[in-house]
Amino acid sequence: AKKYEPVRLLFGMPRNMDGSYGFQSEKVKEFAQAVLK
């Protein structure tokens, strides 16, 4: 991010086919929190 200087980081959010969030989406949110620190 420092190298490319984006205005935004975009995290792909896994969703189930019915649109609900599953276990993997929690892992992505946790990783996003680590990056945003």
PDB file of all heavy atoms in Angstrom:
ATOM      1  N   ALA A   1       0.833  -1.203   0.000  1.00  0.00           N
ATOM      2  CA  ALA A   1       0.000   0.000   0.000  1.00  0.00           C
ATOM      3  C   ALA A   1       0.874   1.261   0.000  1.00  0.00           C
ATOM      4  O   ALA A   1       0.559   2.240  -0.690  1.00  0.00           O
ATOM      5  CB  ALA A   1      -0.947  -0.006   1.196  1.00  0.00           C
ATOM      6  N   LYS A   2       1.963   1.236   0.732  1.00  0.00           N
ATOM      7  CA  LYS A   2       2.871   2.389   0.731  1.00  0.00           C
ATOM      8  C   LYS A   2       3.471   2.592  -0.662  1.00  0.00           C
ATOM      9  O   LYS A   2       3.627   3.719  -1.128  1.00  0.00           O
ATOM     10  CB  LYS A   2       3.990   2.198   1.757  1.00  0.00           C
ATOM     11  CG  LYS A   2       3.534   2.364   3.182  1.00  0.00           C
ATOM     12  CD  LYS A   2       4.655   2.060   4.155  1.00  0.00           C
ATOM     13  CE  LYS A   2       4.112   1.953   5.574  1.00  0.00           C
ATOM     14  NZ  LYS A   2       5.066   1.342   6.492  1.00  0.00           N
ATOM     15  N   LYS A   3       3.798   1.493  -1.310  1.00  0.00           N
ATOM     16  CA  LYS A   3       4.423   1.571  -2.632  1.00  0.00           C
ATOM     17  C   LYS A   3       3.460   2.099  -3.696  1.00  0.00           C
ATOM     18  O   LYS A   3       3.819   2.954  -4.499  1.00  0.00           O
ATOM     19  CB  LYS A   3       4.936   0.181  -3.041  1.00  0.00           C
ATOM     20  CG  LYS A   3       5.586   0.135  -4.400  1.00  0.00           C
ATOM     21  CD  LYS A   3       6.107  -1.252  -4.717  1.00  0.00           C
ATOM     22  CE  LYS A   3       6.711  -1.286  -6.111  1.00  0.00           C
ATOM     23  NZ  LYS A   3       7.225  -2.619  -6.432  1.00  0.00           N
ATOM     24  N   TYR A   4       2.216   1.595  -3.702  1.00  0.00           N
ATOM     25  CA  TYR A   4       1.260   1.947  -4.756  1.00  0.00           C
ATOM     26  C   TYR A   4       0.349   3.119  -4.393  1.00  0.00           C
ATOM     27  O   TYR A   4      -0.357   3.632  -5.242  1.00  0.00           O
ATOM     28  CB  TYR A   4       0.430   0.718  -5.157  1.00  0.00           C
ATOM     29  CG  TYR A   4       1.263  -0.271  -5.922  1.00  0.00           C
ATOM     30  CD1 TYR A   4       1.896  -1.320  -5.276  1.00  0.00           C
ATOM     31  CD2 TYR A   4       1.471  -0.118  -7.289  1.00  0.00           C
ATOM     32  CE1 TYR A   4       2.691  -2.213  -5.964  1.00  0.00           C
ATOM     33  CE2 TYR A   4       2.269  -1.008  -7.992  1.00  0.00           C
ATOM     34  CZ  TYR A   4       2.876  -2.054  -7.325  1.00  0.00           C
ATOM     35  OH  TYR A   4       3.668  -2.933  -8.020  1.00  0.00           O
ATOM     36  N   GLU A   5       0.352   3.522  -3.124  1.00  0.00           N
ATOM     37  CA  GLU A   5      -0.427   4.658  -2.645  1.00  0.00           C
ATOM     38  C   GLU A   5      -1.891   4.640  -3.079  1.00  0.00           C
ATOM     39  O   GLU A   5      -2.381   5.587  -3.695  1.00  0.00           O
ATOM     40  CB  GLU A   5       0.238   5.965  -3.081  1.00  0.00           C
ATOM     41  CG  GLU A   5       1.656   6.125  -2.573  1.00  0.00           C
ATOM     42  CD  GLU A   5       2.330   7.398  -3.054  1.00  0.00           C
ATOM     43  OE1 GLU A   5       1.850   8.021  -4.027  1.00  0.00           O
ATOM     44  OE2 GLU A   5       3.338   7.758  -2.446  1.00  0.00           O
ATOM     45  N   PRO A   6      -2.609   3.571  -2.765  1.00  0.00           N
ATOM     46  CA  PRO A   6      -4.026   3.536  -3.142  1.00  0.00           C
ATOM     47  C   PRO A   6      -4.859   4.470  -2.272  1.00  0.00           C
ATOM     48  O   PRO A   6      -4.480   4.780  -1.139  1.00  0.00           O
ATOM     49  CB  PRO A   6      -4.416   2.076  -2.876  1.00  0.00           C
ATOM     50  CG  PRO A   6      -3.521   1.678  -1.742  1.00  0.00           C
ATOM     51  CD  PRO A   6      -2.221   2.389  -2.009  1.00  0.00           C
ATOM     52  N   VAL A   7      -5.992   4.894  -2.818  1.00  0.00           N
ATOM     53  CA  VAL A   7      -6.933   5.681  -2.007  1.00  0.00           C
ATOM     54  C   VAL A   7      -7.764   4.749  -1.141  1.00  0.00           C
ATOM     55  O   VAL A   7      -8.378   5.179  -0.176  1.00  0.00           O
ATOM     56  CB  VAL A   7      -7.864   6.566  -2.863  1.00  0.00           C
ATOM     57  CG1 VAL A   7      -7.062   7.620  -3.608  1.00  0.00           C
ATOM     58  CG2 VAL A   7      -8.703   5.738  -3.824  1.00  0.00           C
ATOM     59  N   ARG A   8      -7.767   3.461  -1.502  1.00  0.00           N
ATOM     60  CA  ARG A   8      -8.610   2.509  -0.776  1.00  0.00           C
ATOM     61  C   ARG A   8      -8.036   1.102  -0.905  1.00  0.00           C
ATOM     62  O   ARG A   8      -7.531   0.717  -1.952  1.00  0.00           O
ATOM     63  CB  ARG A   8     -10.012   2.549  -1.383  1.00  0.00           C
ATOM     64  CG  ARG A   8     -11.034   1.680  -0.732  1.00  0.00           C
ATOM     65  CD  ARG A   8     -12.436   1.968  -1.276  1.00  0.00           C
ATOM     66  NE  ARG A   8     -12.764   3.365  -1.016  1.00  0.00           N
ATOM     67  CZ  ARG A   8     -13.354   4.167  -1.909  1.00  0.00           C
ATOM     68  NH1 ARG A   8     -13.677   3.717  -3.088  1.00  0.00           N
ATOM     69  NH2 ARG A   8     -13.620   5.416  -1.601  1.00  0.00           N
ATOM     70  N   LEU A   9      -8.147   0.346   0.181  1.00  0.00           N
ATOM     71  CA  LEU A   9      -7.878  -1.090   0.143  1.00  0.00           C
ATOM     72  C   LEU A   9      -9.222  -1.783   0.003  1.00  0.00           C
ATOM     73  O   LEU A   9     -10.180  -1.444   0.712  1.00  0.00           O
ATOM     74  CB  LEU A   9      -7.206  -1.568   1.431  1.00  0.00           C
ATOM     75  CG  LEU A   9      -5.770  -1.147   1.687  1.00  0.00           C
ATOM     76  CD1 LEU A   9      -5.257  -1.792   2.976  1.00  0.00           C
ATOM     77  CD2 LEU A   9      -4.864  -1.510   0.537  1.00  0.00           C
ATOM     78  N   LEU A  10      -9.285  -2.737  -0.884  1.00  0.00           N
ATOM     79  CA  LEU A  10     -10.520  -3.465  -1.130  1.00  0.00           C
ATOM     80  C   LEU A  10     -10.302  -4.923  -0.734  1.00  0.00           C
ATOM     81  O   LEU A  10      -9.408  -5.584  -1.262  1.00  0.00           O
ATOM     82  CB  LEU A  10     -10.893  -3.371  -2.611  1.00  0.00           C
ATOM     83  CG  LEU A  10     -12.180  -4.061  -3.029  1.00  0.00           C
ATOM     84  CD1 LEU A  10     -13.383  -3.347  -2.416  1.00  0.00           C
ATOM     85  CD2 LEU A  10     -12.289  -4.080  -4.549  1.00  0.00           C
ATOM     86  N   PHE A  11     -11.107  -5.397   0.188  1.00  0.00           N
ATOM     87  CA  PHE A  11     -11.022  -6.778   0.640  1.00  0.00           C
ATOM     88  C   PHE A  11     -12.165  -7.567   0.003  1.00  0.00           C
ATOM     89  O   PHE A  11     -13.332  -7.190   0.155  1.00  0.00           O
ATOM     90  CB  PHE A  11     -11.146  -6.859   2.165  1.00  0.00           C
ATOM     91  CG  PHE A  11     -10.019  -6.197   2.894  1.00  0.00           C
ATOM     92  CD1 PHE A  11     -10.080  -4.849   3.220  1.00  0.00           C
ATOM     93  CD2 PHE A  11      -8.887  -6.909   3.253  1.00  0.00           C
ATOM     94  CE1 PHE A  11      -9.037  -4.222   3.888  1.00  0.00           C
ATOM     95  CE2 PHE A  11      -7.837  -6.289   3.922  1.00  0.00           C
ATOM     96  CZ  PHE A  11      -7.915  -4.947   4.240  1.00  0.00           C
ATOM     97  N   GLY A  12     -11.826  -8.643  -0.701  1.00  0.00           N
ATOM     98  CA  GLY A  12     -12.869  -9.517  -1.229  1.00  0.00           C
ATOM     99  C   GLY A  12     -13.573 -10.194  -0.059  1.00  0.00           C
ATOM    100  O   GLY A  12     -12.919 -10.762   0.814  1.00  0.00           O
ATOM    101  N   MET A  13     -14.898 -10.085  -0.022  1.00  0.00           N
ATOM    102  CA  MET A  13     -15.677 -10.640   1.085  1.00  0.00           C
ATOM    103  C   MET A  13     -16.419 -11.893   0.616  1.00  0.00           C
ATOM    104  O   MET A  13     -17.318 -11.807  -0.210  1.00  0.00           O
ATOM    105  CB  MET A  13     -16.679  -9.598   1.595  1.00  0.00           C
ATOM    106  CG  MET A  13     -17.538 -10.093   2.739  1.00  0.00           C
ATOM    107  SD  MET A  13     -16.617 -10.692   4.178  1.00  0.00           S
ATOM    108  CE  MET A  13     -15.927  -9.185   4.808  1.00  0.00           C
ATOM    109  N   PRO A  14     -16.016 -13.045   1.141  1.00  0.00           N
ATOM    110  CA  PRO A  14     -16.696 -14.281   0.749  1.00  0.00           C
ATOM    111  C   PRO A  14     -18.110 -14.323   1.315  1.00  0.00           C
ATOM    112  O   PRO A  14     -18.331 -13.988   2.478  1.00  0.00           O
ATOM    113  CB  PRO A  14     -15.835 -15.386   1.344  1.00  0.00           C
ATOM    114  CG  PRO A  14     -14.924 -14.747   2.318  1.00  0.00           C
ATOM    115  CD  PRO A  14     -14.936 -13.268   2.073  1.00  0.00           C
ATOM    116  N   ARG A  15     -19.030 -14.694   0.448  1.00  0.00           N
ATOM    117  CA  ARG A  15     -20.420 -14.826   0.873  1.00  0.00           C
ATOM    118  C   ARG A  15     -20.948 -16.149   0.361  1.00  0.00           C
ATOM    119  O   ARG A  15     -20.486 -16.676  -0.643  1.00  0.00           O
ATOM    120  CB  ARG A  15     -21.257 -13.680   0.315  1.00  0.00           C
ATOM    121  CG  ARG A  15     -20.816 -12.335   0.861  1.00  0.00           C
ATOM    122  CD  ARG A  15     -21.621 -11.232   0.294  1.00  0.00           C
ATOM    123  NE  ARG A  15     -22.813 -11.059   1.127  1.00  0.00           N
ATOM    124  CZ  ARG A  15     -23.549  -9.973   1.111  1.00  0.00           C
ATOM    125  NH1 ARG A  15     -23.263  -8.975   0.318  1.00  0.00           N
ATOM    126  NH2 ARG A  15     -24.606  -9.877   1.884  1.00  0.00           N
ATOM    127  N   ASN A  16     -21.932 -16.648   1.066  1.00  0.00           N
ATOM    128  CA  ASN A  16     -22.609 -17.860   0.610  1.00  0.00           C
ATOM    129  C   ASN A  16     -23.496 -17.492  -0.580  1.00  0.00           C
ATOM    130  O   ASN A  16     -23.792 -16.316  -0.814  1.00  0.00           O
ATOM    131  CB  ASN A  16     -23.444 -18.450   1.749  1.00  0.00           C
ATOM    132  CG  ASN A  16     -22.582 -18.864   2.921  1.00  0.00           C
ATOM    133  OD1 ASN A  16     -21.483 -19.380   2.748  1.00  0.00           O
ATOM    134  ND2 ASN A  16     -23.062 -18.612   4.133  1.00  0.00           N
ATOM    135  N   MET A  17     -23.925 -18.497  -1.319  1.00  0.00           N
ATOM    136  CA  MET A  17     -24.736 -18.229  -2.508  1.00  0.00           C
ATOM    137  C   MET A  17     -26.049 -17.513  -2.182  1.00  0.00           C
ATOM    138  O   MET A  17     -26.585 -16.800  -3.008  1.00  0.00           O
ATOM    139  CB  MET A  17     -25.006 -19.527  -3.287  1.00  0.00           C
ATOM    140  CG  MET A  17     -23.753 -20.098  -3.934  1.00  0.00           C
ATOM    141  SD  MET A  17     -22.768 -18.912  -4.885  1.00  0.00           S
ATOM    142  CE  MET A  17     -23.881 -18.533  -6.206  1.00  0.00           C
ATOM    143  N   ASP A  18     -26.548 -17.662  -0.955  1.00  0.00           N
ATOM    144  CA  ASP A  18     -27.787 -16.966  -0.564  1.00  0.00           C
ATOM    145  C   ASP A  18     -27.507 -15.546  -0.066  1.00  0.00           C
ATOM    146  O   ASP A  18     -28.419 -14.844   0.370  1.00  0.00           O
ATOM    147  CB  ASP A  18     -28.544 -17.765   0.499  1.00  0.00           C
ATOM    148  CG  ASP A  18     -27.788 -17.890   1.819  1.00  0.00           C
ATOM    149  OD1 ASP A  18     -26.678 -17.332   1.950  1.00  0.00           O
ATOM    150  OD2 ASP A  18     -28.332 -18.549   2.726  1.00  0.00           O
ATOM    151  N   GLY A  19     -26.237 -15.125  -0.118  1.00  0.00           N
ATOM    152  CA  GLY A  19     -25.878 -13.765   0.279  1.00  0.00           C
ATOM    153  C   GLY A  19     -25.448 -13.630   1.733  1.00  0.00           C
ATOM    154  O   GLY A  19     -24.970 -12.577   2.144  1.00  0.00           O
ATOM    155  N   SER A  20     -25.606 -14.682   2.507  1.00  0.00           N
ATOM    156  CA  SER A  20     -25.215 -14.613   3.917  1.00  0.00           C
ATOM    157  C   SER A  20     -23.692 -14.716   4.051  1.00  0.00           C
ATOM    158  O   SER A  20     -22.992 -15.110   3.121  1.00  0.00           O
ATOM    159  CB  SER A  20     -25.897 -15.740   4.706  1.00  0.00           C
ATOM    160  OG  SER A  20     -25.448 -17.004   4.243  1.00  0.00           O
ATOM    161  N   TYR A  21     -23.212 -14.338   5.219  1.00  0.00           N
ATOM    162  CA  TYR A  21     -21.778 -14.401   5.497  1.00  0.00           C
ATOM    163  C   TYR A  21     -21.478 -15.689   6.247  1.00  0.00           C
ATOM    164  O   TYR A  21     -22.189 -16.057   7.161  1.00  0.00           O
ATOM    165  CB  TYR A  21     -21.339 -13.208   6.341  1.00  0.00           C
ATOM    166  CG  TYR A  21     -21.505 -11.896   5.620  1.00  0.00           C
ATOM    167  CD1 TYR A  21     -22.597 -11.079   5.865  1.00  0.00           C
ATOM    168  CD2 TYR A  21     -20.578 -11.493   4.678  1.00  0.00           C
ATOM    169  CE1 TYR A  21     -22.754  -9.883   5.189  1.00  0.00           C
ATOM    170  CE2 TYR A  21     -20.722 -10.301   3.998  1.00  0.00           C
ATOM    171  CZ  TYR A  21     -21.817  -9.501   4.260  1.00  0.00           C
ATOM    172  OH  TYR A  21     -21.967  -8.323   3.580  1.00  0.00           O
ATOM    173  N   GLY A  22     -20.371 -16.322   5.866  1.00  0.00           N
ATOM    174  CA  GLY A  22     -19.990 -17.576   6.502  1.00  0.00           C
ATOM    175  C   GLY A  22     -18.737 -17.420   7.339  1.00  0.00           C
ATOM    176  O   GLY A  22     -18.268 -16.316   7.619  1.00  0.00           O
ATOM    177  N   PHE A  23     -18.187 -18.550   7.711  1.00  0.00           N
ATOM    178  CA  PHE A  23     -17.001 -18.607   8.561  1.00  0.00           C
ATOM    179  C   PHE A  23     -15.808 -17.901   7.916  1.00  0.00           C
ATOM    180  O   PHE A  23     -15.061 -17.191   8.583  1.00  0.00           O
ATOM    181  CB  PHE A  23     -16.674 -20.075   8.861  1.00  0.00           C
ATOM    182  CG  PHE A  23     -15.487 -20.261   9.751  1.00  0.00           C
ATOM    183  CD1 PHE A  23     -15.516 -19.869  11.079  1.00  0.00           C
ATOM    184  CD2 PHE A  23     -14.322 -20.836   9.255  1.00  0.00           C
ATOM    185  CE1 PHE A  23     -14.410 -20.037  11.900  1.00  0.00           C
ATOM    186  CE2 PHE A  23     -13.210 -21.011  10.068  1.00  0.00           C
ATOM    187  CZ  PHE A  23     -13.261 -20.613  11.395  1.00  0.00           C
ATOM    188  N   GLN A  24     -15.622 -18.079   6.620  1.00  0.00           N
ATOM    189  CA  GLN A  24     -14.477 -17.474   5.931  1.00  0.00           C
ATOM    190  C   GLN A  24     -14.556 -15.948   5.945  1.00  0.00           C
ATOM    191  O   GLN A  24     -13.531 -15.278   6.014  1.00  0.00           O
ATOM    192  CB  GLN A  24     -14.379 -18.000   4.491  1.00  0.00           C
ATOM    193  CG  GLN A  24     -13.044 -17.738   3.830  1.00  0.00           C
ATOM    194  CD  GLN A  24     -11.870 -18.453   4.494  1.00  0.00           C
ATOM    195  OE1 GLN A  24     -12.023 -19.520   5.092  1.00  0.00           O
ATOM    196  NE2 GLN A  24     -10.699 -17.873   4.397  1.00  0.00           N
ATOM    197  N   SER A  25     -15.754 -15.401   5.927  1.00  0.00           N
ATOM    198  CA  SER A  25     -15.881 -13.941   5.949  1.00  0.00           C
ATOM    199  C   SER A  25     -15.376 -13.368   7.274  1.00  0.00           C
ATOM    200  O   SER A  25     -14.821 -12.264   7.306  1.00  0.00           O
ATOM    201  CB  SER A  25     -17.323 -13.507   5.673  1.00  0.00           C
ATOM    202  OG  SER A  25     -18.186 -13.969   6.680  1.00  0.00           O
ATOM    203  N   GLU A  26     -15.526 -14.111   8.358  1.00  0.00           N
ATOM    204  CA  GLU A  26     -14.994 -13.660   9.648  1.00  0.00           C
ATOM    205  C   GLU A  26     -13.473 -13.605   9.606  1.00  0.00           C
ATOM    206  O   GLU A  26     -12.858 -12.691  10.160  1.00  0.00           O
ATOM    207  CB  GLU A  26     -15.464 -14.580  10.784  1.00  0.00           C
ATOM    208  CG  GLU A  26     -16.948 -14.458  11.095  1.00  0.00           C
ATOM    209  CD  GLU A  26     -17.356 -13.037  11.451  1.00  0.00           C
ATOM    210  OE1 GLU A  26     -16.630 -12.374  12.230  1.00  0.00           O
ATOM    211  OE2 GLU A  26     -18.401 -12.573  10.938  1.00  0.00           O
ATOM    212  N   LYS A  27     -12.853 -14.576   8.927  1.00  0.00           N
ATOM    213  CA  LYS A  27     -11.391 -14.588   8.794  1.00  0.00           C
ATOM    214  C   LYS A  27     -10.912 -13.368   7.995  1.00  0.00           C
ATOM    215  O   LYS A  27      -9.888 -12.774   8.317  1.00  0.00           O
ATOM    216  CB  LYS A  27     -10.927 -15.869   8.112  1.00  0.00           C
ATOM    217  CG  LYS A  27     -11.109 -17.118   8.948  1.00  0.00           C
ATOM    218  CD  LYS A  27     -10.595 -18.314   8.179  1.00  0.00           C
ATOM    219  CE  LYS A  27     -10.740 -19.601   8.935  1.00  0.00           C
ATOM    220  NZ  LYS A  27     -10.194 -20.739   8.159  1.00  0.00           N
ATOM    221  N   VAL A  28     -11.670 -13.023   6.955  1.00  0.00           N
ATOM    222  CA  VAL A  28     -11.301 -11.853   6.146  1.00  0.00           C
ATOM    223  C   VAL A  28     -11.427 -10.574   6.979  1.00  0.00           C
ATOM    224  O   VAL A  28     -10.549  -9.711   6.941  1.00  0.00           O
ATOM    225  CB  VAL A  28     -12.162 -11.759   4.863  1.00  0.00           C
ATOM    226  CG1 VAL A  28     -11.935 -10.439   4.138  1.00  0.00           C
ATOM    227  CG2 VAL A  28     -11.855 -12.935   3.939  1.00  0.00           C
ATOM    228  N   LYS A  29     -12.489 -10.460   7.754  1.00  0.00           N
ATOM    229  CA  LYS A  29     -12.662  -9.279   8.621  1.00  0.00           C
ATOM    230  C   LYS A  29     -11.522  -9.173   9.628  1.00  0.00           C
ATOM    231  O   LYS A  29     -11.003  -8.080   9.872  1.00  0.00           O
ATOM    232  CB  LYS A  29     -13.998  -9.346   9.361  1.00  0.00           C
ATOM    233  CG  LYS A  29     -15.198  -9.086   8.484  1.00  0.00           C
ATOM    234  CD  LYS A  29     -16.468  -9.194   9.321  1.00  0.00           C
ATOM    235  CE  LYS A  29     -17.702  -9.206   8.459  1.00  0.00           C
ATOM    236  NZ  LYS A  29     -18.921  -9.428   9.252  1.00  0.00           N
ATOM    237  N   GLU A  30     -11.122 -10.297  10.204  1.00  0.00           N
ATOM    238  CA  GLU A  30     -10.013 -10.297  11.165  1.00  0.00           C
ATOM    239  C   GLU A  30      -8.710  -9.869  10.497  1.00  0.00           C
ATOM    240  O   GLU A  30      -7.939  -9.090  11.062  1.00  0.00           O
ATOM    241  CB  GLU A  30      -9.852 -11.679  11.803  1.00  0.00           C
ATOM    242  CG  GLU A  30     -10.949 -12.033  12.776  1.00  0.00           C
ATOM    243  CD  GLU A  30     -10.886 -13.476  13.242  1.00  0.00           C
ATOM    244  OE1 GLU A  30      -9.858 -14.160  13.012  1.00  0.00           O
ATOM    245  OE2 GLU A  30     -11.881 -13.945  13.826  1.00  0.00           O
ATOM    246  N   PHE A  31      -8.470 -10.363   9.283  1.00  0.00           N
ATOM    247  CA  PHE A  31      -7.250  -9.973   8.578  1.00  0.00           C
ATOM    248  C   PHE A  31      -7.319  -8.489   8.218  1.00  0.00           C
ATOM    249  O   PHE A  31      -6.311  -7.772   8.343  1.00  0.00           O
ATOM    250  CB  PHE A  31      -7.037 -10.828   7.320  1.00  0.00           C
ATOM    251  CG  PHE A  31      -5.750 -10.489   6.628  1.00  0.00           C
ATOM    252  CD1 PHE A  31      -4.533 -10.857   7.176  1.00  0.00           C
ATOM    253  CD2 PHE A  31      -5.750  -9.783   5.441  1.00  0.00           C
ATOM    254  CE1 PHE A  31      -3.335 -10.527   6.558  1.00  0.00           C
ATOM    255  CE2 PHE A  31      -4.562  -9.445   4.815  1.00  0.00           C
ATOM    256  CZ  PHE A  31      -3.354  -9.820   5.375  1.00  0.00           C
ATOM    257  N   ALA A  32      -8.469  -8.021   7.789  1.00  0.00           N
ATOM    258  CA  ALA A  32      -8.629  -6.598   7.468  1.00  0.00           C
ATOM    259  C   ALA A  32      -8.303  -5.740   8.686  1.00  0.00           C
ATOM    260  O   ALA A  32      -7.612  -4.717   8.571  1.00  0.00           O
ATOM    261  CB  ALA A  32     -10.046  -6.324   6.976  1.00  0.00           C
ATOM    262  N   GLN A  33      -8.757  -6.152   9.856  1.00  0.00           N
ATOM    263  CA  GLN A  33      -8.462  -5.396  11.082  1.00  0.00           C
ATOM    264  C   GLN A  33      -6.956  -5.350  11.334  1.00  0.00           C
ATOM    265  O   GLN A  33      -6.423  -4.316  11.742  1.00  0.00           O
ATOM    266  CB  GLN A  33      -9.186  -6.006  12.276  1.00  0.00           C
ATOM    267  CG  GLN A  33     -10.680  -5.770  12.260  1.00  0.00           C
ATOM    268  CD  GLN A  33     -11.403  -6.518  13.375  1.00  0.00           C
ATOM    269  OE1 GLN A  33     -10.848  -7.394  14.035  1.00  0.00           O
ATOM    270  NE2 GLN A  33     -12.667  -6.165  13.574  1.00  0.00           N
ATOM    271  N   ALA A  34      -6.261  -6.453  11.088  1.00  0.00           N
ATOM    272  CA  ALA A  34      -4.805  -6.491  11.279  1.00  0.00           C
ATOM    273  C   ALA A  34      -4.111  -5.534  10.303  1.00  0.00           C
ATOM    274  O   ALA A  34      -3.184  -4.810  10.690  1.00  0.00           O
ATOM    275  CB  ALA A  34      -4.283  -7.913  11.093  1.00  0.00           C
ATOM    276  N   VAL A  35      -4.568  -5.507   9.059  1.00  0.00           N
ATOM    277  CA  VAL A  35      -3.974  -4.607   8.069  1.00  0.00           C
ATOM    278  C   VAL A  35      -4.240  -3.152   8.449  1.00  0.00           C
ATOM    279  O   VAL A  35      -3.361  -2.299   8.360  1.00  0.00           O
ATOM    280  CB  VAL A  35      -4.512  -4.907   6.645  1.00  0.00           C
ATOM    281  CG1 VAL A  35      -4.046  -3.845   5.655  1.00  0.00           C
ATOM    282  CG2 VAL A  35      -4.069  -6.288   6.180  1.00  0.00           C
ATOM    283  N   LEU A  36      -5.456  -2.874   8.898  1.00  0.00           N
ATOM    284  CA  LEU A  36      -5.817  -1.494   9.217  1.00  0.00           C
ATOM    285  C   LEU A  36      -5.119  -0.971  10.465  1.00  0.00           C
ATOM    286  O   LEU A  36      -5.095   0.237  10.697  1.00  0.00           O
ATOM    287  CB  LEU A  36      -7.338  -1.365   9.329  1.00  0.00           C
ATOM    288  CG  LEU A  36      -8.068  -1.659   8.011  1.00  0.00           C
ATOM    289  CD1 LEU A  36      -9.574  -1.695   8.218  1.00  0.00           C
ATOM    290  CD2 LEU A  36      -7.680  -0.672   6.927  1.00  0.00           C
ATOM    291  N   LYS A  37      -4.512  -1.863  11.245  1.00  0.00           N
ATOM    292  CA  LYS A  37      -3.691  -1.424  12.375  1.00  0.00           C
ATOM    293  C   LYS A  37      -2.375  -0.830  11.896  1.00  0.00           C
ATOM    294  O   LYS A  37      -1.775  -0.011  12.577  1.00  0.00           O
ATOM    295  CB  LYS A  37      -3.394  -2.597  13.326  1.00  0.00           C
ATOM    296  CG  LYS A  37      -4.565  -3.000  14.178  1.00  0.00           C
ATOM    297  CD  LYS A  37      -4.172  -4.158  15.089  1.00  0.00           C
ATOM    298  CE  LYS A  37      -5.374  -4.632  15.883  1.00  0.00           C
ATOM    299  NZ  LYS A  37      -5.044  -5.818  16.695  1.00  0.00           N
TER     300      LYS A  37
END
